[in-house]
Amino acid sequence: MEDITHRTVRVNGINMHVAEKGEGPTILFLHGFPELWYTWRHQIHAFAALGYHCVAPDLRGYGNTDAPPSPTSYTCFHVVGDLVALIDSMGGEAVYLVAHDWGAMIGWYLCMFRPEKVKAYGCISVPFRPRHPKMKPVETMRAFFGEDYYMCRFQEVGVMEEEIKRCETAELLKKILTDKTPGPPCLPKCDPFGLKALNGPLPLPEWLSEDDIKYNADMFNKTGFTGALNYYRALDLNWELTAAWTGAQVKVPVIYVVGDEDMVYTTPGLKEYVHGGGFKKDVPLLQDIVVMEGVGHFLNQEKPQESTTIIHDFIKKF
């Protein structure tokens, strides 16, 4: 990682840590939960070698970026505001966007609010989901998936933080990063992450090293998880604030890439939306849907070369 440079940029009232490498058109990479800029390490090197300027921030609440304490500071408008300021700090020209998990959700908001800032969007794992005009997200998820659904369990400030403190951070991250249990993910109070049932440390797949785990664990041990969890706690507030975008389409060229063992993809109703015409209706410039066989949620790490090739073949058209 030595040839990746790091700097701090003042954006939207916070200090944002950015990792970057390369020269050329800018690709903005957005990480998800529970990750950091580091999730894009393979893509940063690969795309820089292909002639791109790769920029991967720690999103607000994560890593070396500031973490405001209140969940109300983590709305889609706050985070998109951070990203627009970051893009403007680099000259303001439209960027290629590549995003995963929560980063993908933020990516959809960036494309919807400021489409002129995005040339094309390589979306990994989490497709666009239209705003329901009458039901808030948390009550909807609770009704469909129950109280133990992970997004519902993350809502109360401090509760999940205390449960996480009882876990060894490295083992927790191993479990989350390697779990391929079909969705929807639930966290029972007796053993939310399934660590008590393990006989010894989790073995790592070949695509994940102990050094990778250590980098992430050291950072989360330093910062805690509150900033990361606050994104989930702003879900209902996002719903309230985005009423004016009910029924809005995303009009940016998009490729959607997902693993067939991703718990998002295996969540009931998701495949029907993605493949049944709803996704294309909401995102009319959707160019392609790629389902990678035998691949889980963190496909950018699990299959870095394959996912890089798919994304590059797409963005080079624009």
C-alpha atoms as a PDB file:
ATOM      1  CA  MET A   1       0.000   0.000   0.000  1.00  0.00           C
ATOM      2  CA  GLU A   2       3.076   2.240   0.154  1.00  0.00           C
ATOM      3  CA  ASP A   3       2.519   3.931  -3.207  1.00  0.00           C
ATOM      4  CA  ILE A   4      -1.035   4.987  -2.348  1.00  0.00           C
ATOM      5  CA  THR A   5      -0.975   8.567  -1.094  1.00  0.00           C
ATOM      6  CA  HIS A   6      -3.131   9.921   1.717  1.00  0.00           C
ATOM      7  CA  ARG A   7      -4.384  13.403   2.459  1.00  0.00           C
ATOM      8  CA  THR A   8      -7.072  15.213   4.398  1.00  0.00           C
ATOM      9  CA  VAL A   9      -9.610  17.418   2.627  1.00  0.00           C
ATOM     10  CA  ARG A  10     -11.936  19.914   4.301  1.00  0.00           C
ATOM     11  CA  VAL A  11     -15.436  19.165   2.967  1.00  0.00           C
ATOM     12  CA  ASN A  12     -18.856  20.280   4.136  1.00  0.00           C
ATOM     13  CA  GLY A  13     -17.615  21.223   7.598  1.00  0.00           C
ATOM     14  CA  ILE A  14     -15.665  18.015   8.298  1.00  0.00           C
ATOM     15  CA  ASN A  15     -12.169  16.699   7.660  1.00  0.00           C
ATOM     16  CA  MET A  16     -12.229  13.790   5.200  1.00  0.00           C
ATOM     17  CA  HIS A  17      -9.402  11.320   4.762  1.00  0.00           C
ATOM     18  CA  VAL A  18      -8.747  10.367   1.143  1.00  0.00           C
ATOM     19  CA  ALA A  19      -6.555   7.646  -0.342  1.00  0.00           C
ATOM     20  CA  GLU A  20      -5.533   8.168  -3.959  1.00  0.00           C
ATOM     21  CA  LYS A  21      -3.291   7.007  -6.754  1.00  0.00           C
ATOM     22  CA  GLY A  22      -2.842   7.603 -10.458  1.00  0.00           C
ATOM     23  CA  GLU A  23      -3.438  10.288 -13.047  1.00  0.00           C
ATOM     24  CA  GLY A  24      -6.209  10.689 -15.580  1.00  0.00           C
ATOM     25  CA  PRO A  25     -10.012  10.730 -15.349  1.00  0.00           C
ATOM     26  CA  THR A  26     -11.161  10.418 -11.744  1.00  0.00           C
ATOM     27  CA  ILE A  27     -12.874   7.343 -10.331  1.00  0.00           C
ATOM     28  CA  LEU A  28     -14.525   7.949  -6.980  1.00  0.00           C
ATOM     29  CA  PHE A  29     -14.788   4.779  -4.869  1.00  0.00           C
ATOM     30  CA  LEU A  30     -17.301   4.591  -1.988  1.00  0.00           C
ATOM     31  CA  HIS A  31     -17.007   1.868   0.645  1.00  0.00           C
ATOM     32  CA  GLY A  32     -19.719   0.233   2.708  1.00  0.00           C
ATOM     33  CA  PHE A  33     -20.237  -1.209   6.203  1.00  0.00           C
ATOM     34  CA  PRO A  34     -18.083  -2.151   8.074  1.00  0.00           C
ATOM     35  CA  GLU A  35     -15.241  -1.074   5.820  1.00  0.00           C
ATOM     36  CA  LEU A  36     -12.845   1.728   4.956  1.00  0.00           C
ATOM     37  CA  TRP A  37     -11.123   3.119   1.872  1.00  0.00           C
ATOM     38  CA  TYR A  38      -8.991  -0.052   2.191  1.00  0.00           C
ATOM     39  CA  THR A  39     -11.706  -2.236   0.654  1.00  0.00           C
ATOM     40  CA  TRP A  40     -10.732  -0.711  -2.713  1.00  0.00           C
ATOM     41  CA  ARG A  41      -6.987  -1.460  -2.438  1.00  0.00           C
ATOM     42  CA  HIS A  42      -7.011  -3.861  -5.408  1.00  0.00           C
ATOM     43  CA  GLN A  43      -9.067  -1.544  -7.620  1.00  0.00           C
ATOM     44  CA  ILE A  44      -6.936   1.492  -6.758  1.00  0.00           C
ATOM     45  CA  HIS A  45      -3.801  -0.207  -8.049  1.00  0.00           C
ATOM     46  CA  ALA A  46      -5.519  -1.771 -11.054  1.00  0.00           C
ATOM     47  CA  PHE A  47      -7.330   1.337 -12.291  1.00  0.00           C
ATOM     48  CA  ALA A  48      -4.305   3.575 -11.670  1.00  0.00           C
ATOM     49  CA  ALA A  49      -2.321   1.256 -13.937  1.00  0.00           C
ATOM     50  CA  LEU A  50      -5.075   1.629 -16.552  1.00  0.00           C
ATOM     51  CA  GLY A  51      -4.701   5.424 -16.567  1.00  0.00           C
ATOM     52  CA  TYR A  52      -7.210   6.664 -13.982  1.00  0.00           C
ATOM     53  CA  HIS A  53      -6.996   8.930 -10.947  1.00  0.00           C
ATOM     54  CA  CYS A  54      -8.387   6.774  -8.150  1.00  0.00           C
ATOM     55  CA  VAL A  55      -9.891   8.477  -5.109  1.00  0.00           C
ATOM     56  CA  ALA A  56     -11.210   6.463  -2.158  1.00  0.00           C
ATOM     57  CA  PRO A  57     -12.342   8.394   0.924  1.00  0.00           C
ATOM     58  CA  ASP A  58     -13.211   7.143   4.347  1.00  0.00           C
ATOM     59  CA  LEU A  59     -16.850   8.257   4.485  1.00  0.00           C
ATOM     60  CA  ARG A  60     -17.965  10.442   7.397  1.00  0.00           C
ATOM     61  CA  GLY A  61     -18.003   8.408  10.597  1.00  0.00           C
ATOM     62  CA  TYR A  62     -15.319   6.017   9.385  1.00  0.00           C
ATOM     63  CA  GLY A  63     -11.566   5.691   9.751  1.00  0.00           C
ATOM     64  CA  ASN A  64      -9.585   8.906   9.700  1.00  0.00           C
ATOM     65  CA  THR A  65     -12.534  11.032   8.594  1.00  0.00           C
ATOM     66  CA  ASP A  66     -14.412  13.055  11.224  1.00  0.00           C
ATOM     67  CA  ALA A  67     -17.334  11.332  12.947  1.00  0.00           C
ATOM     68  CA  PRO A  68     -20.047  13.721  14.149  1.00  0.00           C
ATOM     69  CA  PRO A  69     -21.766  12.130  17.167  1.00  0.00           C
ATOM     70  CA  SER A  70     -25.434  12.571  16.250  1.00  0.00           C
ATOM     71  CA  PRO A  71     -27.273  10.202  13.882  1.00  0.00           C
ATOM     72  CA  THR A  72     -28.960  13.264  12.391  1.00  0.00           C
ATOM     73  CA  SER A  73     -25.569  14.217  10.901  1.00  0.00           C
ATOM     74  CA  TYR A  74     -25.607  11.117   8.667  1.00  0.00           C
ATOM     75  CA  THR A  75     -28.476  11.829   6.289  1.00  0.00           C
ATOM     76  CA  CYS A  76     -28.078  11.288   2.572  1.00  0.00           C
ATOM     77  CA  PHE A  77     -27.798  15.058   2.178  1.00  0.00           C
ATOM     78  CA  HIS A  78     -24.883  15.290   4.592  1.00  0.00           C
ATOM     79  CA  VAL A  79     -22.940  12.491   2.919  1.00  0.00           C
ATOM     80  CA  VAL A  80     -23.719  13.572  -0.657  1.00  0.00           C
ATOM     81  CA  GLY A  81     -22.723  17.078   0.400  1.00  0.00           C
ATOM     82  CA  ASP A  82     -19.357  15.699   1.519  1.00  0.00           C
ATOM     83  CA  LEU A  83     -18.858  14.007  -1.844  1.00  0.00           C
ATOM     84  CA  VAL A  84     -19.888  16.984  -3.945  1.00  0.00           C
ATOM     85  CA  ALA A  85     -17.422  19.128  -1.982  1.00  0.00           C
ATOM     86  CA  LEU A  86     -14.735  16.488  -2.529  1.00  0.00           C
ATOM     87  CA  ILE A  87     -15.430  16.414  -6.279  1.00  0.00           C
ATOM     88  CA  ASP A  88     -15.377  20.216  -6.399  1.00  0.00           C
ATOM     89  CA  SER A  89     -12.052  20.264  -4.527  1.00  0.00           C
ATOM     90  CA  MET A  90     -10.595  18.270  -7.440  1.00  0.00           C
ATOM     91  CA  GLY A  91     -11.829  20.743 -10.052  1.00  0.00           C
ATOM     92  CA  GLY A  92     -15.500  19.880 -10.199  1.00  0.00           C
ATOM     93  CA  GLU A  93     -15.499  17.752 -13.340  1.00  0.00           C
ATOM     94  CA  ALA A  94     -17.824  14.747 -13.419  1.00  0.00           C
ATOM     95  CA  VAL A  95     -16.324  11.528 -12.068  1.00  0.00           C
ATOM     96  CA  TYR A  96     -16.783   7.840 -12.660  1.00  0.00           C
ATOM     97  CA  LEU A  97     -18.462   6.404  -9.584  1.00  0.00           C
ATOM     98  CA  VAL A  98     -17.853   2.910  -8.190  1.00  0.00           C
ATOM     99  CA  ALA A  99     -19.584   2.017  -4.949  1.00  0.00           C
ATOM    100  CA  HIS A 100     -20.519  -0.926  -2.749  1.00  0.00           C
ATOM    101  CA  ASP A 101     -23.018  -1.597   0.058  1.00  0.00           C
ATOM    102  CA  TRP A 102     -23.755   1.646   1.977  1.00  0.00           C
ATOM    103  CA  GLY A 103     -21.484   3.408  -0.475  1.00  0.00           C
ATOM    104  CA  ALA A 104     -23.795   2.147  -3.221  1.00  0.00           C
ATOM    105  CA  MET A 105     -26.821   3.572  -1.428  1.00  0.00           C
ATOM    106  CA  ILE A 106     -25.067   6.918  -1.136  1.00  0.00           C
ATOM    107  CA  GLY A 107     -24.068   6.567  -4.779  1.00  0.00           C
ATOM    108  CA  TRP A 108     -27.722   6.342  -5.801  1.00  0.00           C
ATOM    109  CA  TYR A 109     -28.469   9.535  -3.886  1.00  0.00           C
ATOM    110  CA  LEU A 110     -25.494  11.300  -5.516  1.00  0.00           C
ATOM    111  CA  CYS A 111     -26.748  10.253  -8.960  1.00  0.00           C
ATOM    112  CA  MET A 112     -30.288  11.355  -8.151  1.00  0.00           C
ATOM    113  CA  PHE A 113     -29.415  14.701  -6.558  1.00  0.00           C
ATOM    114  CA  ARG A 114     -26.449  15.726  -8.730  1.00  0.00           C
ATOM    115  CA  PRO A 115     -26.394  13.631 -11.925  1.00  0.00           C
ATOM    116  CA  GLU A 116     -24.131  16.126 -13.659  1.00  0.00           C
ATOM    117  CA  LYS A 117     -21.355  15.099 -11.252  1.00  0.00           C
ATOM    118  CA  VAL A 118     -21.340  11.448 -12.405  1.00  0.00           C
ATOM    119  CA  LYS A 119     -20.266  10.213 -15.865  1.00  0.00           C
ATOM    120  CA  ALA A 120     -21.236   6.609 -15.182  1.00  0.00           C
ATOM    121  CA  TYR A 121     -21.935   4.478 -12.115  1.00  0.00           C
ATOM    122  CA  GLY A 122     -20.582   1.004 -11.391  1.00  0.00           C
ATOM    123  CA  CYS A 123     -22.877  -0.187  -8.609  1.00  0.00           C
ATOM    124  CA  ILE A 124     -21.930  -3.250  -6.565  1.00  0.00           C
ATOM    125  CA  SER A 125     -24.426  -5.261  -4.477  1.00  0.00           C
ATOM    126  CA  VAL A 126     -27.132  -2.738  -3.562  1.00  0.00           C
ATOM    127  CA  PRO A 127     -29.501  -1.706  -6.358  1.00  0.00           C
ATOM    128  CA  PHE A 128     -31.596   1.436  -6.399  1.00  0.00           C
ATOM    129  CA  ARG A 129     -34.708   1.119  -4.273  1.00  0.00           C
ATOM    130  CA  PRO A 130     -37.491   3.658  -4.825  1.00  0.00           C
ATOM    131  CA  ARG A 131     -38.914   5.579  -1.904  1.00  0.00           C
ATOM    132  CA  HIS A 132     -42.173   4.104  -0.619  1.00  0.00           C
ATOM    133  CA  PRO A 133     -44.666   6.995  -0.445  1.00  0.00           C
ATOM    134  CA  LYS A 134     -46.368   5.825   2.768  1.00  0.00           C
ATOM    135  CA  MET A 135     -44.144   3.471   4.792  1.00  0.00           C
ATOM    136  CA  LYS A 136     -40.936   4.421   6.554  1.00  0.00           C
ATOM    137  CA  PRO A 137     -38.000   2.071   5.947  1.00  0.00           C
ATOM    138  CA  VAL A 138     -37.492   0.772   9.487  1.00  0.00           C
ATOM    139  CA  GLU A 139     -41.147  -0.080  10.114  1.00  0.00           C
ATOM    140  CA  THR A 140     -41.290  -1.730   6.694  1.00  0.00           C
ATOM    141  CA  MET A 141     -38.233  -3.879   7.398  1.00  0.00           C
ATOM    142  CA  ARG A 142     -39.536  -4.746  10.858  1.00  0.00           C
ATOM    143  CA  ALA A 143     -42.842  -5.865   9.363  1.00  0.00           C
ATOM    144  CA  PHE A 144     -41.227  -8.021   6.673  1.00  0.00           C
ATOM    145  CA  PHE A 145     -38.149  -9.384   8.445  1.00  0.00           C
ATOM    146  CA  GLY A 146     -38.807  -9.057  12.178  1.00  0.00           C
ATOM    147  CA  GLU A 147     -37.222  -7.257  15.130  1.00  0.00           C
ATOM    148  CA  ASP A 148     -33.916  -9.103  14.765  1.00  0.00           C
ATOM    149  CA  TYR A 149     -33.286  -7.919  11.208  1.00  0.00           C
ATOM    150  CA  TYR A 150     -29.885  -6.263  11.388  1.00  0.00           C
ATOM    151  CA  MET A 151     -30.994  -2.790  10.300  1.00  0.00           C
ATOM    152  CA  CYS A 152     -33.696  -2.826  12.975  1.00  0.00           C
ATOM    153  CA  ARG A 153     -31.225  -4.003  15.609  1.00  0.00           C
ATOM    154  CA  PHE A 154     -28.889  -1.115  14.758  1.00  0.00           C
ATOM    155  CA  GLN A 155     -31.465   1.589  15.517  1.00  0.00           C
ATOM    156  CA  GLU A 156     -31.123   2.266  19.242  1.00  0.00           C
ATOM    157  CA  VAL A 157     -28.056   4.363  20.020  1.00  0.00           C
ATOM    158  CA  GLY A 158     -25.548   2.540  22.194  1.00  0.00           C
ATOM    159  CA  VAL A 159     -27.168  -0.891  22.211  1.00  0.00           C
ATOM    160  CA  MET A 160     -25.319  -2.470  19.288  1.00  0.00           C
ATOM    161  CA  GLU A 161     -22.132  -0.679  20.332  1.00  0.00           C
ATOM    162  CA  GLU A 162     -22.270  -2.518  23.658  1.00  0.00           C
ATOM    163  CA  GLU A 163     -22.909  -5.854  21.966  1.00  0.00           C
ATOM    164  CA  ILE A 164     -19.981  -5.265  19.614  1.00  0.00           C
ATOM    165  CA  LYS A 165     -17.708  -4.436  22.551  1.00  0.00           C
ATOM    166  CA  ARG A 166     -18.252  -7.972  23.837  1.00  0.00           C
ATOM    167  CA  CYS A 167     -16.777  -9.323  20.599  1.00  0.00           C
ATOM    168  CA  GLU A 168     -13.178  -9.396  19.460  1.00  0.00           C
ATOM    169  CA  THR A 169     -13.150  -6.894  16.612  1.00  0.00           C
ATOM    170  CA  ALA A 170     -10.964  -8.995  14.321  1.00  0.00           C
ATOM    171  CA  GLU A 171     -13.212 -12.048  14.659  1.00  0.00           C
ATOM    172  CA  LEU A 172     -16.322  -9.911  14.182  1.00  0.00           C
ATOM    173  CA  LEU A 173     -14.956  -8.473  10.946  1.00  0.00           C
ATOM    174  CA  LYS A 174     -13.921 -11.937   9.727  1.00  0.00           C
ATOM    175  CA  LYS A 175     -17.459 -13.190  10.321  1.00  0.00           C
ATOM    176  CA  ILE A 176     -19.120 -10.288   8.539  1.00  0.00           C
ATOM    177  CA  LEU A 177     -16.727 -10.277   5.586  1.00  0.00           C
ATOM    178  CA  THR A 178     -16.878 -14.023   4.938  1.00  0.00           C
ATOM    179  CA  ASP A 179     -20.491 -14.861   5.816  1.00  0.00           C
ATOM    180  CA  LYS A 180     -22.561 -16.165   2.904  1.00  0.00           C
ATOM    181  CA  THR A 181     -25.691 -17.101   4.842  1.00  0.00           C
ATOM    182  CA  PRO A 182     -28.661 -16.321   2.556  1.00  0.00           C
ATOM    183  CA  GLY A 183     -30.494 -13.126   3.522  1.00  0.00           C
ATOM    184  CA  PRO A 184     -32.152 -11.420   5.202  1.00  0.00           C
ATOM    185  CA  PRO A 185     -29.423 -11.105   7.870  1.00  0.00           C
ATOM    186  CA  CYS A 186     -30.743 -11.320  11.427  1.00  0.00           C
ATOM    187  CA  LEU A 187     -28.889 -10.732  14.704  1.00  0.00           C
ATOM    188  CA  PRO A 188     -30.487 -12.651  17.609  1.00  0.00           C
ATOM    189  CA  LYS A 189     -29.764 -11.041  20.967  1.00  0.00           C
ATOM    190  CA  CYS A 190     -28.312 -14.237  22.444  1.00  0.00           C
ATOM    191  CA  ASP A 191     -25.449 -14.391  19.917  1.00  0.00           C
ATOM    192  CA  PRO A 192     -25.878 -11.635  17.325  1.00  0.00           C
ATOM    193  CA  PHE A 193     -22.896 -12.473  15.158  1.00  0.00           C
ATOM    194  CA  GLY A 194     -22.718 -16.212  15.746  1.00  0.00           C
ATOM    195  CA  LEU A 195     -19.291 -15.993  17.374  1.00  0.00           C
ATOM    196  CA  LYS A 196     -20.147 -17.917  20.555  1.00  0.00           C
ATOM    197  CA  ALA A 197     -20.863 -21.039  18.552  1.00  0.00           C
ATOM    198  CA  LEU A 198     -17.413 -21.056  16.943  1.00  0.00           C
ATOM    199  CA  ASN A 199     -14.686 -23.467  17.997  1.00  0.00           C
ATOM    200  CA  GLY A 200     -11.655 -21.235  17.691  1.00  0.00           C
ATOM    201  CA  PRO A 201     -10.763 -18.444  15.262  1.00  0.00           C
ATOM    202  CA  LEU A 202     -12.499 -18.295  11.906  1.00  0.00           C
ATOM    203  CA  PRO A 203     -10.385 -19.493   8.984  1.00  0.00           C
ATOM    204  CA  LEU A 204      -9.825 -16.909   6.290  1.00  0.00           C
ATOM    205  CA  PRO A 205     -10.534 -17.434   2.593  1.00  0.00           C
ATOM    206  CA  GLU A 206      -7.630 -16.965   0.200  1.00  0.00           C
ATOM    207  CA  TRP A 207      -8.839 -13.507  -0.814  1.00  0.00           C
ATOM    208  CA  LEU A 208      -8.542 -12.105   2.726  1.00  0.00           C
ATOM    209  CA  SER A 209      -5.360 -11.972   4.811  1.00  0.00           C
ATOM    210  CA  GLU A 210      -4.670 -11.493   8.498  1.00  0.00           C
ATOM    211  CA  ASP A 211      -3.010  -8.188   7.585  1.00  0.00           C
ATOM    212  CA  ASP A 212      -6.224  -7.069   5.876  1.00  0.00           C
ATOM    213  CA  ILE A 213      -8.228  -7.907   8.981  1.00  0.00           C
ATOM    214  CA  LYS A 214      -5.680  -6.225  11.241  1.00  0.00           C
ATOM    215  CA  TYR A 215      -5.765  -2.957   9.282  1.00  0.00           C
ATOM    216  CA  ASN A 216      -9.539  -2.742   9.603  1.00  0.00           C
ATOM    217  CA  ALA A 217      -9.711  -4.029  13.187  1.00  0.00           C
ATOM    218  CA  ASP A 218      -7.063  -1.580  14.388  1.00  0.00           C
ATOM    219  CA  MET A 219      -9.003   1.319  12.892  1.00  0.00           C
ATOM    220  CA  PHE A 220     -12.385   0.246  14.300  1.00  0.00           C
ATOM    221  CA  ASN A 221     -10.772  -0.356  17.700  1.00  0.00           C
ATOM    222  CA  LYS A 222      -9.599   3.249  17.516  1.00  0.00           C
ATOM    223  CA  THR A 223     -12.833   4.841  16.293  1.00  0.00           C
ATOM    224  CA  GLY A 224     -15.578   2.503  17.483  1.00  0.00           C
ATOM    225  CA  PHE A 225     -18.621   1.684  15.362  1.00  0.00           C
ATOM    226  CA  THR A 226     -21.012   4.520  16.236  1.00  0.00           C
ATOM    227  CA  GLY A 227     -20.310   6.565  13.102  1.00  0.00           C
ATOM    228  CA  ALA A 228     -20.860   3.527  10.900  1.00  0.00           C
ATOM    229  CA  LEU A 229     -24.072   2.567  12.701  1.00  0.00           C
ATOM    230  CA  ASN A 230     -25.420   6.105  12.492  1.00  0.00           C
ATOM    231  CA  TYR A 231     -26.079   5.643   8.753  1.00  0.00           C
ATOM    232  CA  TYR A 232     -28.723   3.064   9.648  1.00  0.00           C
ATOM    233  CA  ARG A 233     -30.148   5.345  12.336  1.00  0.00           C
ATOM    234  CA  ALA A 234     -30.741   8.043   9.710  1.00  0.00           C
ATOM    235  CA  LEU A 235     -32.786   5.765   7.418  1.00  0.00           C
ATOM    236  CA  ASP A 236     -36.168   7.076   8.534  1.00  0.00           C
ATOM    237  CA  LEU A 237     -34.911  10.664   8.518  1.00  0.00           C
ATOM    238  CA  ASN A 238     -33.741  10.154   4.932  1.00  0.00           C
ATOM    239  CA  TRP A 239     -37.240   8.973   4.082  1.00  0.00           C
ATOM    240  CA  GLU A 240     -38.767  12.121   5.601  1.00  0.00           C
ATOM    241  CA  LEU A 241     -36.326  14.447   3.840  1.00  0.00           C
ATOM    242  CA  THR A 242     -36.634  12.895   0.384  1.00  0.00           C
ATOM    243  CA  ALA A 243     -40.415  13.116  -0.050  1.00  0.00           C
ATOM    244  CA  ALA A 244     -39.898  15.462  -3.007  1.00  0.00           C
ATOM    245  CA  TRP A 245     -38.041  12.673  -4.838  1.00  0.00           C
ATOM    246  CA  THR A 246     -40.861  10.120  -4.584  1.00  0.00           C
ATOM    247  CA  GLY A 247     -41.112   8.516  -8.006  1.00  0.00           C
ATOM    248  CA  ALA A 248     -37.905  10.128  -9.268  1.00  0.00           C
ATOM    249  CA  GLN A 249     -35.762   8.223 -11.736  1.00  0.00           C
ATOM    250  CA  VAL A 250     -31.977   7.989 -11.724  1.00  0.00           C
ATOM    251  CA  LYS A 251     -30.735   9.157 -15.118  1.00  0.00           C
ATOM    252  CA  VAL A 252     -27.066   8.200 -15.082  1.00  0.00           C
ATOM    253  CA  PRO A 253     -25.565   5.267 -17.054  1.00  0.00           C
ATOM    254  CA  VAL A 254     -25.314   2.308 -14.648  1.00  0.00           C
ATOM    255  CA  ILE A 255     -23.980  -1.220 -14.492  1.00  0.00           C
ATOM    256  CA  TYR A 256     -25.132  -3.359 -11.572  1.00  0.00           C
ATOM    257  CA  VAL A 257     -22.811  -6.124 -10.371  1.00  0.00           C
ATOM    258  CA  VAL A 258     -23.748  -8.599  -7.635  1.00  0.00           C
ATOM    259  CA  GLY A 259     -22.744 -12.032  -6.365  1.00  0.00           C
ATOM    260  CA  ASP A 260     -25.373 -14.751  -6.411  1.00  0.00           C
ATOM    261  CA  GLU A 261     -24.468 -15.587  -2.798  1.00  0.00           C
ATOM    262  CA  ASP A 262     -24.766 -11.958  -1.620  1.00  0.00           C
ATOM    263  CA  MET A 263     -27.268 -11.684   1.248  1.00  0.00           C
ATOM    264  CA  VAL A 264     -28.642  -8.544  -0.396  1.00  0.00           C
ATOM    265  CA  TYR A 265     -29.340 -10.432  -3.620  1.00  0.00           C
ATOM    266  CA  THR A 266     -30.885 -13.372  -1.719  1.00  0.00           C
ATOM    267  CA  THR A 267     -33.193 -11.138   0.344  1.00  0.00           C
ATOM    268  CA  PRO A 268     -36.834 -11.845  -0.603  1.00  0.00           C
ATOM    269  CA  GLY A 269     -38.144  -9.550  -3.328  1.00  0.00           C
ATOM    270  CA  LEU A 270     -34.762  -8.290  -4.499  1.00  0.00           C
ATOM    271  CA  LYS A 271     -34.318 -10.566  -7.516  1.00  0.00           C
ATOM    272  CA  GLU A 272     -37.872  -9.844  -8.662  1.00  0.00           C
ATOM    273  CA  TYR A 273     -37.169  -6.112  -8.590  1.00  0.00           C
ATOM    274  CA  VAL A 274     -33.777  -6.383 -10.283  1.00  0.00           C
ATOM    275  CA  HIS A 275     -34.785  -8.773 -13.058  1.00  0.00           C
ATOM    276  CA  GLY A 276     -38.523  -8.125 -13.340  1.00  0.00           C
ATOM    277  CA  GLY A 277     -38.446  -4.659 -14.872  1.00  0.00           C
ATOM    278  CA  GLY A 278     -38.775  -2.480 -11.780  1.00  0.00           C
ATOM    279  CA  PHE A 279     -35.062  -1.656 -11.623  1.00  0.00           C
ATOM    280  CA  LYS A 280     -34.932  -0.679 -15.293  1.00  0.00           C
ATOM    281  CA  LYS A 281     -38.045   1.459 -14.898  1.00  0.00           C
ATOM    282  CA  ASP A 282     -36.478   3.414 -12.036  1.00  0.00           C
ATOM    283  CA  VAL A 283     -33.031   3.563 -13.672  1.00  0.00           C
ATOM    284  CA  PRO A 284     -33.760   3.911 -17.411  1.00  0.00           C
ATOM    285  CA  LEU A 285     -30.064   4.168 -18.326  1.00  0.00           C
ATOM    286  CA  LEU A 286     -29.279   0.836 -16.658  1.00  0.00           C
ATOM    287  CA  GLN A 287     -26.923  -0.739 -19.190  1.00  0.00           C
ATOM    288  CA  ASP A 288     -26.274  -4.187 -17.776  1.00  0.00           C
ATOM    289  CA  ILE A 289     -26.813  -6.514 -14.812  1.00  0.00           C
ATOM    290  CA  VAL A 290     -23.980  -8.916 -14.019  1.00  0.00           C
ATOM    291  CA  VAL A 291     -24.545 -11.738 -11.513  1.00  0.00           C
ATOM    292  CA  MET A 292     -21.274 -13.394 -10.514  1.00  0.00           C
ATOM    293  CA  GLU A 293     -21.653 -17.062  -9.608  1.00  0.00           C
ATOM    294  CA  GLY A 294     -20.380 -18.384  -6.282  1.00  0.00           C
ATOM    295  CA  VAL A 295     -19.545 -14.892  -5.024  1.00  0.00           C
ATOM    296  CA  GLY A 296     -20.723 -13.216  -1.836  1.00  0.00           C
ATOM    297  CA  HIS A 297     -21.391  -9.675  -0.679  1.00  0.00           C
ATOM    298  CA  PHE A 298     -17.832  -8.306  -0.716  1.00  0.00           C
ATOM    299  CA  LEU A 299     -17.182  -9.183  -4.350  1.00  0.00           C
ATOM    300  CA  ASN A 300     -14.757  -6.322  -4.968  1.00  0.00           C
ATOM    301  CA  GLN A 301     -12.423  -8.055  -2.511  1.00  0.00           C
ATOM    302  CA  GLU A 302     -13.388 -11.660  -3.255  1.00  0.00           C
ATOM    303  CA  LYS A 303     -13.010 -11.310  -7.033  1.00  0.00           C
ATOM    304  CA  PRO A 304     -10.895  -8.177  -7.550  1.00  0.00           C
ATOM    305  CA  GLN A 305      -9.602  -8.915 -11.048  1.00  0.00           C
ATOM    306  CA  GLU A 306     -12.942 -10.054 -12.435  1.00  0.00           C
ATOM    307  CA  SER A 307     -14.905  -7.170 -10.903  1.00  0.00           C
ATOM    308  CA  THR A 308     -12.308  -4.643 -12.060  1.00  0.00           C
ATOM    309  CA  THR A 309     -12.548  -5.943 -15.626  1.00  0.00           C
ATOM    310  CA  ILE A 310     -16.358  -5.759 -15.578  1.00  0.00           C
ATOM    311  CA  ILE A 311     -16.367  -2.193 -14.253  1.00  0.00           C
ATOM    312  CA  HIS A 312     -13.587  -1.041 -16.584  1.00  0.00           C
ATOM    313  CA  ASP A 313     -15.269  -2.482 -19.683  1.00  0.00           C
ATOM    314  CA  PHE A 314     -18.325  -0.462 -18.692  1.00  0.00           C
ATOM    315  CA  ILE A 315     -16.871   2.922 -17.751  1.00  0.00           C
ATOM    316  CA  LYS A 316     -14.521   3.139 -20.715  1.00  0.00           C
ATOM    317  CA  LYS A 317     -17.593   3.579 -22.923  1.00  0.00           C
ATOM    318  CA  PHE A 318     -18.326   6.986 -21.371  1.00  0.00           C
END
